[in-house]
């Protein structure tokens, strides 16, 4: 697999926005998406996390709470329209 190089800074080399610690790539995957013309679009994704575990845990907790809030709003909309 050829390595893609870029002249711009990667997200991994930038410090954490919350605490200033270094970041690292925790997971990398590729996704194949079929297109309308029958081809396949391949996207590469990387999950970048903070090396400071306290900061990362606080971020994960905040993300979980926001996800729950959006899910509650979505469910209220669905039940409100069905009445």
PDB file of N, CA and C in Angstrom:
ATOM      1  N   UNK A   1       0.841  -1.162   0.000  1.00  0.00           N
ATOM      2  CA  UNK A   1       0.000   0.000   0.000  1.00  0.00           C
ATOM      3  C   UNK A   1       0.899   1.242   0.000  1.00  0.00           C
ATOM      4  N   UNK A   2       0.705   2.137  -0.961  1.00  0.00           N
ATOM      5  CA  UNK A   2       1.560   3.320  -1.008  1.00  0.00           C
ATOM      6  C   UNK A   2       1.228   4.278   0.132  1.00  0.00           C
ATOM      7  N   UNK A   3       2.270   4.906   0.644  1.00  0.00           N
ATOM      8  CA  UNK A   3       2.071   5.852   1.728  1.00  0.00           C
ATOM      9  C   UNK A   3       1.781   7.226   1.132  1.00  0.00           C
ATOM     10  N   UNK A   4       0.745   7.870   1.633  1.00  0.00           N
ATOM     11  CA  UNK A   4       0.359   9.187   1.150  1.00  0.00           C
ATOM     12  C   UNK A   4       1.102  10.234   1.980  1.00  0.00           C
ATOM     13  N   UNK A   5       1.812  11.115   1.308  1.00  0.00           N
ATOM     14  CA  UNK A   5       2.516  12.178   2.012  1.00  0.00           C
ATOM     15  C   UNK A   5       1.902  13.514   1.650  1.00  0.00           C
ATOM     16  N   UNK A   6       1.970  14.417   2.575  1.00  0.00           N
ATOM     17  CA  UNK A   6       1.381  15.725   2.381  1.00  0.00           C
ATOM     18  C   UNK A   6       2.309  16.773   2.963  1.00  0.00           C
ATOM     19  N   UNK A   7       2.280  17.971   2.399  1.00  0.00           N
ATOM     20  CA  UNK A   7       3.118  19.046   2.909  1.00  0.00           C
ATOM     21  C   UNK A   7       2.468  19.753   4.095  1.00  0.00           C
ATOM     22  N   UNK A   8       1.174  19.546   4.306  1.00  0.00           N
ATOM     23  CA  UNK A   8       0.492  20.175   5.428  1.00  0.00           C
ATOM     24  C   UNK A   8       0.688  19.340   6.688  1.00  0.00           C
ATOM     25  N   UNK A   9       0.501  19.966   7.833  1.00  0.00           N
ATOM     26  CA  UNK A   9       0.609  19.250   9.100  1.00  0.00           C
ATOM     27  C   UNK A   9      -0.573  18.309   9.262  1.00  0.00           C
ATOM     28  N   UNK A  10      -0.316  17.133   9.787  1.00  0.00           N
ATOM     29  CA  UNK A  10      -1.408  16.199  10.033  1.00  0.00           C
ATOM     30  C   UNK A  10      -2.045  16.539  11.380  1.00  0.00           C
ATOM     31  N   UNK A  11      -3.237  16.052  11.577  1.00  0.00           N
ATOM     32  CA  UNK A  11      -3.932  16.294  12.843  1.00  0.00           C
ATOM     33  C   UNK A  11      -3.183  15.662  14.008  1.00  0.00           C
ATOM     34  N   UNK A  12      -2.480  14.583  13.721  1.00  0.00           N
ATOM     35  CA  UNK A  12      -1.745  13.895  14.771  1.00  0.00           C
ATOM     36  C   UNK A  12      -0.606  14.753  15.315  1.00  0.00           C
ATOM     37  N   UNK A  13       0.024  15.555  14.484  1.00  0.00           N
ATOM     38  CA  UNK A  13       1.159  16.349  14.929  1.00  0.00           C
ATOM     39  C   UNK A  13       0.740  17.624  15.658  1.00  0.00           C
ATOM     40  N   UNK A  14      -0.527  17.995  15.581  1.00  0.00           N
ATOM     41  CA  UNK A  14      -1.019  19.167  16.304  1.00  0.00           C
ATOM     42  C   UNK A  14      -1.298  18.797  17.757  1.00  0.00           C
ATOM     43  N   UNK A  15      -1.051  19.716  18.703  1.00  0.00           N
ATOM     44  CA  UNK A  15      -1.346  19.397  20.105  1.00  0.00           C
ATOM     45  C   UNK A  15      -2.848  19.363  20.354  1.00  0.00           C
ATOM     46  N   UNK A  16      -3.233  18.728  21.441  1.00  0.00           N
ATOM     47  CA  UNK A  16      -4.644  18.628  21.831  1.00  0.00           C
ATOM     48  C   UNK A  16      -5.200  20.022  22.094  1.00  0.00           C
ATOM     49  N   UNK A  17      -6.407  20.281  21.624  1.00  0.00           N
ATOM     50  CA  UNK A  17      -7.036  21.591  21.817  1.00  0.00           C
ATOM     51  C   UNK A  17      -7.428  21.830  23.271  1.00  0.00           C
ATOM     52  N   UNK A  18      -7.681  20.770  24.016  1.00  0.00           N
ATOM     53  CA  UNK A  18      -8.162  20.913  25.382  1.00  0.00           C
ATOM     54  C   UNK A  18      -7.033  21.050  26.397  1.00  0.00           C
ATOM     55  N   UNK A  19      -5.977  20.227  26.262  1.00  0.00           N
ATOM     56  CA  UNK A  19      -4.932  20.229  27.293  1.00  0.00           C
ATOM     57  C   UNK A  19      -3.534  20.523  26.753  1.00  0.00           C
ATOM     58  N   UNK A  20      -3.338  20.475  25.449  1.00  0.00           N
ATOM     59  CA  UNK A  20      -2.024  20.761  24.870  1.00  0.00           C
ATOM     60  C   UNK A  20      -1.097  19.558  24.781  1.00  0.00           C
ATOM     61  N   UNK A  21      -1.557  18.374  25.185  1.00  0.00           N
ATOM     62  CA  UNK A  21      -0.731  17.166  25.108  1.00  0.00           C
ATOM     63  C   UNK A  21      -0.610  16.689  23.669  1.00  0.00           C
ATOM     64  N   UNK A  22       0.287  15.742  23.469  1.00  0.00           N
ATOM     65  CA  UNK A  22       0.434  15.150  22.136  1.00  0.00           C
ATOM     66  C   UNK A  22      -0.768  14.284  21.816  1.00  0.00           C
ATOM     67  N   UNK A  23      -0.962  14.017  20.540  1.00  0.00           N
ATOM     68  CA  UNK A  23      -2.022  13.122  20.103  1.00  0.00           C
ATOM     69  C   UNK A  23      -1.407  11.913  19.420  1.00  0.00           C
ATOM     70  N   UNK A  24      -2.210  10.863  19.289  1.00  0.00           N
ATOM     71  CA  UNK A  24      -1.761   9.661  18.583  1.00  0.00           C
ATOM     72  C   UNK A  24      -2.930   9.062  17.819  1.00  0.00           C
ATOM     73  N   UNK A  25      -2.620   8.244  16.828  1.00  0.00           N
ATOM     74  CA  UNK A  25      -3.651   7.553  16.063  1.00  0.00           C
ATOM     75  C   UNK A  25      -3.991   6.268  16.810  1.00  0.00           C
ATOM     76  N   UNK A  26      -5.264   6.119  17.173  1.00  0.00           N
ATOM     77  CA  UNK A  26      -5.660   4.922  17.910  1.00  0.00           C
ATOM     78  C   UNK A  26      -6.244   3.854  16.988  1.00  0.00           C
ATOM     79  N   UNK A  27      -6.807   4.275  15.863  1.00  0.00           N
ATOM     80  CA  UNK A  27      -7.444   3.307  14.975  1.00  0.00           C
ATOM     81  C   UNK A  27      -7.453   3.863  13.561  1.00  0.00           C
ATOM     82  N   UNK A  28      -7.201   3.009  12.587  1.00  0.00           N
ATOM     83  CA  UNK A  28      -7.245   3.385  11.176  1.00  0.00           C
ATOM     84  C   UNK A  28      -8.033   2.313  10.433  1.00  0.00           C
ATOM     85  N   UNK A  29      -8.937   2.746   9.531  1.00  0.00           N
ATOM     86  CA  UNK A  29      -9.726   1.805   8.752  1.00  0.00           C
ATOM     87  C   UNK A  29     -10.079   2.424   7.415  1.00  0.00           C
ATOM     88  N   UNK A  30     -10.476   1.550   6.488  1.00  0.00           N
ATOM     89  CA  UNK A  30     -10.949   2.057   5.201  1.00  0.00           C
ATOM     90  C   UNK A  30     -12.382   1.593   4.998  1.00  0.00           C
ATOM     91  N   UNK A  31     -13.120   2.398   4.274  1.00  0.00           N
ATOM     92  CA  UNK A  31     -14.539   2.147   4.071  1.00  0.00           C
ATOM     93  C   UNK A  31     -14.813   2.148   2.577  1.00  0.00           C
ATOM     94  N   UNK A  32     -15.505   1.121   2.104  1.00  0.00           N
ATOM     95  CA  UNK A  32     -15.875   1.030   0.689  1.00  0.00           C
ATOM     96  C   UNK A  32     -17.333   1.423   0.549  1.00  0.00           C
ATOM     97  N   UNK A  33     -17.583   2.434  -0.268  1.00  0.00           N
ATOM     98  CA  UNK A  33     -18.933   2.949  -0.448  1.00  0.00           C
ATOM     99  C   UNK A  33     -19.317   2.802  -1.915  1.00  0.00           C
ATOM    100  N   UNK A  34     -20.376   2.043  -2.223  1.00  0.00           N
ATOM    101  CA  UNK A  34     -20.803   1.928  -3.619  1.00  0.00           C
ATOM    102  C   UNK A  34     -21.392   3.253  -4.114  1.00  0.00           C
ATOM    103  N   UNK A  35     -21.100   3.587  -5.352  1.00  0.00           N
ATOM    104  CA  UNK A  35     -21.621   4.814  -5.942  1.00  0.00           C
ATOM    105  C   UNK A  35     -22.788   4.495  -6.868  1.00  0.00           C
ATOM    106  N   UNK A  36     -23.471   5.525  -7.330  1.00  0.00           N
ATOM    107  CA  UNK A  36     -24.621   5.330  -8.215  1.00  0.00           C
ATOM    108  C   UNK A  36     -24.215   4.765  -9.569  1.00  0.00           C
ATOM    109  N   UNK A  37     -22.992   5.006  -9.988  1.00  0.00           N
ATOM    110  CA  UNK A  37     -22.537   4.508 -11.280  1.00  0.00           C
ATOM    111  C   UNK A  37     -21.987   3.096 -11.197  1.00  0.00           C
ATOM    112  N   UNK A  38     -22.002   2.511 -10.018  1.00  0.00           N
ATOM    113  CA  UNK A  38     -21.545   1.136  -9.869  1.00  0.00           C
ATOM    114  C   UNK A  38     -20.115   1.017  -9.387  1.00  0.00           C
ATOM    115  N   UNK A  39     -19.395   2.109  -9.316  1.00  0.00           N
ATOM    116  CA  UNK A  39     -18.027   2.073  -8.813  1.00  0.00           C
ATOM    117  C   UNK A  39     -18.006   2.033  -7.300  1.00  0.00           C
ATOM    118  N   UNK A  40     -16.815   1.968  -6.757  1.00  0.00           N
ATOM    119  CA  UNK A  40     -16.665   1.938  -5.310  1.00  0.00           C
ATOM    120  C   UNK A  40     -15.723   3.061  -4.901  1.00  0.00           C
ATOM    121  N   UNK A  41     -16.168   3.864  -3.984  1.00  0.00           N
ATOM    122  CA  UNK A  41     -15.369   4.940  -3.436  1.00  0.00           C
ATOM    123  C   UNK A  41     -14.752   4.435  -2.142  1.00  0.00           C
ATOM    124  N   UNK A  42     -13.449   4.492  -2.041  1.00  0.00           N
ATOM    125  CA  UNK A  42     -12.760   4.008  -0.847  1.00  0.00           C
ATOM    126  C   UNK A  42     -12.278   5.216  -0.056  1.00  0.00           C
ATOM    127  N   UNK A  43     -12.689   5.271   1.202  1.00  0.00           N
ATOM    128  CA  UNK A  43     -12.280   6.360   2.079  1.00  0.00           C
ATOM    129  C   UNK A  43     -11.432   5.789   3.209  1.00  0.00           C
ATOM    130  N   UNK A  44     -10.365   6.481   3.542  1.00  0.00           N
ATOM    131  CA  UNK A  44      -9.507   6.085   4.648  1.00  0.00           C
ATOM    132  C   UNK A  44      -9.803   6.999   5.829  1.00  0.00           C
ATOM    133  N   UNK A  45      -9.989   6.405   7.001  1.00  0.00           N
ATOM    134  CA  UNK A  45     -10.304   7.155   8.206  1.00  0.00           C
ATOM    135  C   UNK A  45      -9.275   6.832   9.285  1.00  0.00           C
ATOM    136  N   UNK A  46      -8.988   7.799  10.133  1.00  0.00           N
ATOM    137  CA  UNK A  46      -8.126   7.601  11.293  1.00  0.00           C
ATOM    138  C   UNK A  46      -8.765   8.249  12.499  1.00  0.00           C
ATOM    139  N   UNK A  47      -8.755   7.548  13.607  1.00  0.00           N
ATOM    140  CA  UNK A  47      -9.260   8.105  14.855  1.00  0.00           C
ATOM    141  C   UNK A  47      -8.051   8.562  15.649  1.00  0.00           C
ATOM    142  N   UNK A  48      -8.009   9.861  15.961  1.00  0.00           N
ATOM    143  CA  UNK A  48      -6.885  10.439  16.674  1.00  0.00           C
ATOM    144  C   UNK A  48      -7.346  10.787  18.081  1.00  0.00           C
ATOM    145  N   UNK A  49      -6.577  10.350  19.078  1.00  0.00           N
ATOM    146  CA  UNK A  49      -6.941  10.581  20.474  1.00  0.00           C
ATOM    147  C   UNK A  49      -5.803  11.289  21.194  1.00  0.00           C
ATOM    148  N   UNK A  50      -6.147  11.899  22.327  1.00  0.00           N
ATOM    149  CA  UNK A  50      -5.175  12.583  23.167  1.00  0.00           C
ATOM    150  C   UNK A  50      -4.409  11.542  23.988  1.00  0.00           C
ATOM    151  N   UNK A  51      -3.119  11.762  24.207  1.00  0.00           N
ATOM    152  CA  UNK A  51      -2.334  10.818  25.007  1.00  0.00           C
ATOM    153  C   UNK A  51      -2.584  11.001  26.501  1.00  0.00           C
ATOM    154  N   UNK A  52      -3.166  12.128  26.905  1.00  0.00           N
ATOM    155  CA  UNK A  52      -3.529  12.373  28.292  1.00  0.00           C
ATOM    156  C   UNK A  52      -4.859  11.656  28.555  1.00  0.00           C
ATOM    157  N   UNK A  53      -4.839  10.607  29.350  1.00  0.00           N
ATOM    158  CA  UNK A  53      -6.040   9.787  29.544  1.00  0.00           C
ATOM    159  C   UNK A  53      -7.155  10.537  30.263  1.00  0.00           C
ATOM    160  N   UNK A  54      -6.812  11.441  31.182  1.00  0.00           N
ATOM    161  CA  UNK A  54      -7.838  12.208  31.893  1.00  0.00           C
ATOM    162  C   UNK A  54      -8.581  13.110  30.907  1.00  0.00           C
ATOM    163  N   UNK A  55      -7.839  13.769  30.049  1.00  0.00           N
ATOM    164  CA  UNK A  55      -8.427  14.647  29.036  1.00  0.00           C
ATOM    165  C   UNK A  55      -9.286  13.841  28.059  1.00  0.00           C
ATOM    166  N   UNK A  56      -8.769  12.700  27.591  1.00  0.00           N
ATOM    167  CA  UNK A  56      -9.505  11.890  26.633  1.00  0.00           C
ATOM    168  C   UNK A  56     -10.781  11.319  27.252  1.00  0.00           C
ATOM    169  N   UNK A  57     -10.718  10.902  28.517  1.00  0.00           N
ATOM    170  CA  UNK A  57     -11.916  10.381  29.192  1.00  0.00           C
ATOM    171  C   UNK A  57     -12.970  11.467  29.354  1.00  0.00           C
ATOM    172  N   UNK A  58     -12.541  12.697  29.678  1.00  0.00           N
ATOM    173  CA  UNK A  58     -13.484  13.807  29.801  1.00  0.00           C
ATOM    174  C   UNK A  58     -14.131  14.099  28.450  1.00  0.00           C
ATOM    175  N   UNK A  59     -13.349  14.042  27.378  1.00  0.00           N
ATOM    176  CA  UNK A  59     -13.884  14.275  26.043  1.00  0.00           C
ATOM    177  C   UNK A  59     -14.867  13.177  25.653  1.00  0.00           C
ATOM    178  N   UNK A  60     -14.528  11.918  25.936  1.00  0.00           N
ATOM    179  CA  UNK A  60     -15.427  10.801  25.624  1.00  0.00           C
ATOM    180  C   UNK A  60     -16.748  10.918  26.385  1.00  0.00           C
ATOM    181  N   UNK A  61     -16.680  11.344  27.647  1.00  0.00           N
ATOM    182  CA  UNK A  61     -17.887  11.520  28.445  1.00  0.00           C
ATOM    183  C   UNK A  61     -18.758  12.634  27.856  1.00  0.00           C
ATOM    184  N   UNK A  62     -18.146  13.747  27.472  1.00  0.00           N
ATOM    185  CA  UNK A  62     -18.880  14.859  26.874  1.00  0.00           C
ATOM    186  C   UNK A  62     -19.521  14.438  25.558  1.00  0.00           C
ATOM    187  N   UNK A  63     -18.781  13.697  24.747  1.00  0.00           N
ATOM    188  CA  UNK A  63     -19.299  13.209  23.471  1.00  0.00           C
ATOM    189  C   UNK A  63     -20.487  12.273  23.682  1.00  0.00           C
ATOM    190  N   UNK A  64     -20.397  11.401  24.677  1.00  0.00           N
ATOM    191  CA  UNK A  64     -21.487  10.474  24.985  1.00  0.00           C
ATOM    192  C   UNK A  64     -22.735  11.243  25.419  1.00  0.00           C
ATOM    193  N   UNK A  65     -22.563  12.262  26.285  1.00  0.00           N
ATOM    194  CA  UNK A  65     -23.701  13.054  26.751  1.00  0.00           C
ATOM    195  C   UNK A  65     -24.376  13.801  25.608  1.00  0.00           C
ATOM    196  N   UNK A  66     -23.575  14.363  24.692  1.00  0.00           N
ATOM    197  CA  UNK A  66     -24.142  15.064  23.541  1.00  0.00           C
ATOM    198  C   UNK A  66     -24.881  14.104  22.615  1.00  0.00           C
ATOM    199  N   UNK A  67     -24.343  12.898  22.457  1.00  0.00           N
ATOM    200  CA  UNK A  67     -25.001  11.894  21.627  1.00  0.00           C
ATOM    201  C   UNK A  67     -26.343  11.489  22.237  1.00  0.00           C
ATOM    202  N   UNK A  68     -26.386  11.316  23.564  1.00  0.00           N
ATOM    203  CA  UNK A  68     -27.629  10.983  24.244  1.00  0.00           C
ATOM    204  C   UNK A  68     -28.648  12.108  24.080  1.00  0.00           C
ATOM    205  N   UNK A  69     -28.201  13.356  24.186  1.00  0.00           N
ATOM    206  CA  UNK A  69     -29.090  14.504  24.061  1.00  0.00           C
ATOM    207  C   UNK A  69     -29.694  14.565  22.652  1.00  0.00           C
ATOM    208  N   UNK A  70     -28.865  14.335  21.629  1.00  0.00           N
ATOM    209  CA  UNK A  70     -29.372  14.329  20.254  1.00  0.00           C
ATOM    210  C   UNK A  70     -30.351  13.186  20.029  1.00  0.00           C
ATOM    211  N   UNK A  71     -30.081  12.038  20.626  1.00  0.00           N
ATOM    212  CA  UNK A  71     -30.980  10.895  20.494  1.00  0.00           C
ATOM    213  C   UNK A  71     -32.322  11.171  21.169  1.00  0.00           C
ATOM    214  N   UNK A  72     -32.296  11.814  22.335  1.00  0.00           N
ATOM    215  CA  UNK A  72     -33.534  12.178  23.027  1.00  0.00           C
ATOM    216  C   UNK A  72     -34.363  13.149  22.197  1.00  0.00           C
ATOM    217  N   UNK A  73     -33.705  14.128  21.598  1.00  0.00           N
ATOM    218  CA  UNK A  73     -34.396  15.101  20.747  1.00  0.00           C
ATOM    219  C   UNK A  73     -35.016  14.404  19.543  1.00  0.00           C
ATOM    220  N   UNK A  74     -34.271  13.472  18.945  1.00  0.00           N
ATOM    221  CA  UNK A  74     -34.781  12.734  17.784  1.00  0.00           C
ATOM    222  C   UNK A  74     -36.006  11.907  18.162  1.00  0.00           C
ATOM    223  N   UNK A  75     -35.964  11.253  19.307  1.00  0.00           N
ATOM    224  CA  UNK A  75     -37.105  10.440  19.753  1.00  0.00           C
ATOM    225  C   UNK A  75     -38.322  11.305  20.064  1.00  0.00           C
ATOM    226  N   UNK A  76     -38.097  12.488  20.651  1.00  0.00           N
ATOM    227  CA  UNK A  76     -39.216  13.395  20.930  1.00  0.00           C
ATOM    228  C   UNK A  76     -39.867  13.856  19.633  1.00  0.00           C
ATOM    229  N   UNK A  77     -39.060  14.113  18.615  1.00  0.00           N
ATOM    230  CA  UNK A  77     -39.617  14.519  17.326  1.00  0.00           C
ATOM    231  C   UNK A  77     -40.442  13.409  16.706  1.00  0.00           C
ATOM    232  N   UNK A  78     -39.944  12.167  16.806  1.00  0.00           N
ATOM    233  CA  UNK A  78     -40.672  11.033  16.225  1.00  0.00           C
ATOM    234  C   UNK A  78     -41.991  10.796  16.946  1.00  0.00           C
ATOM    235  N   UNK A  79     -41.981  10.855  18.266  1.00  0.00           N
ATOM    236  CA  UNK A  79     -43.223  10.614  19.009  1.00  0.00           C
ATOM    237  C   UNK A  79     -44.175  11.782  18.890  1.00  0.00           C
ATOM    238  N   UNK A  80     -43.682  12.986  18.729  1.00  0.00           N
ATOM    239  CA  UNK A  80     -44.541  14.148  18.583  1.00  0.00           C
ATOM    240  C   UNK A  80     -45.267  14.160  17.267  1.00  0.00           C
ATOM    241  N   UNK A  81     -44.649  13.670  16.190  1.00  0.00           N
ATOM    242  CA  UNK A  81     -45.280  13.651  14.865  1.00  0.00           C
ATOM    243  C   UNK A  81     -46.310  12.539  14.743  1.00  0.00           C
ATOM    244  N   UNK A  82     -46.147  11.472  15.508  1.00  0.00           N
ATOM    245  CA  UNK A  82     -47.065  10.335  15.349  1.00  0.00           C
ATOM    246  C   UNK A  82     -48.389  10.558  16.059  1.00  0.00           C
ATOM    247  N   UNK A  83     -48.500  11.543  16.926  1.00  0.00           N
ATOM    248  CA  UNK A  83     -49.751  11.767  17.676  1.00  0.00           C
ATOM    249  C   UNK A  83     -50.749  12.521  16.877  1.00  0.00           C
TER     250      UNK A  83
END
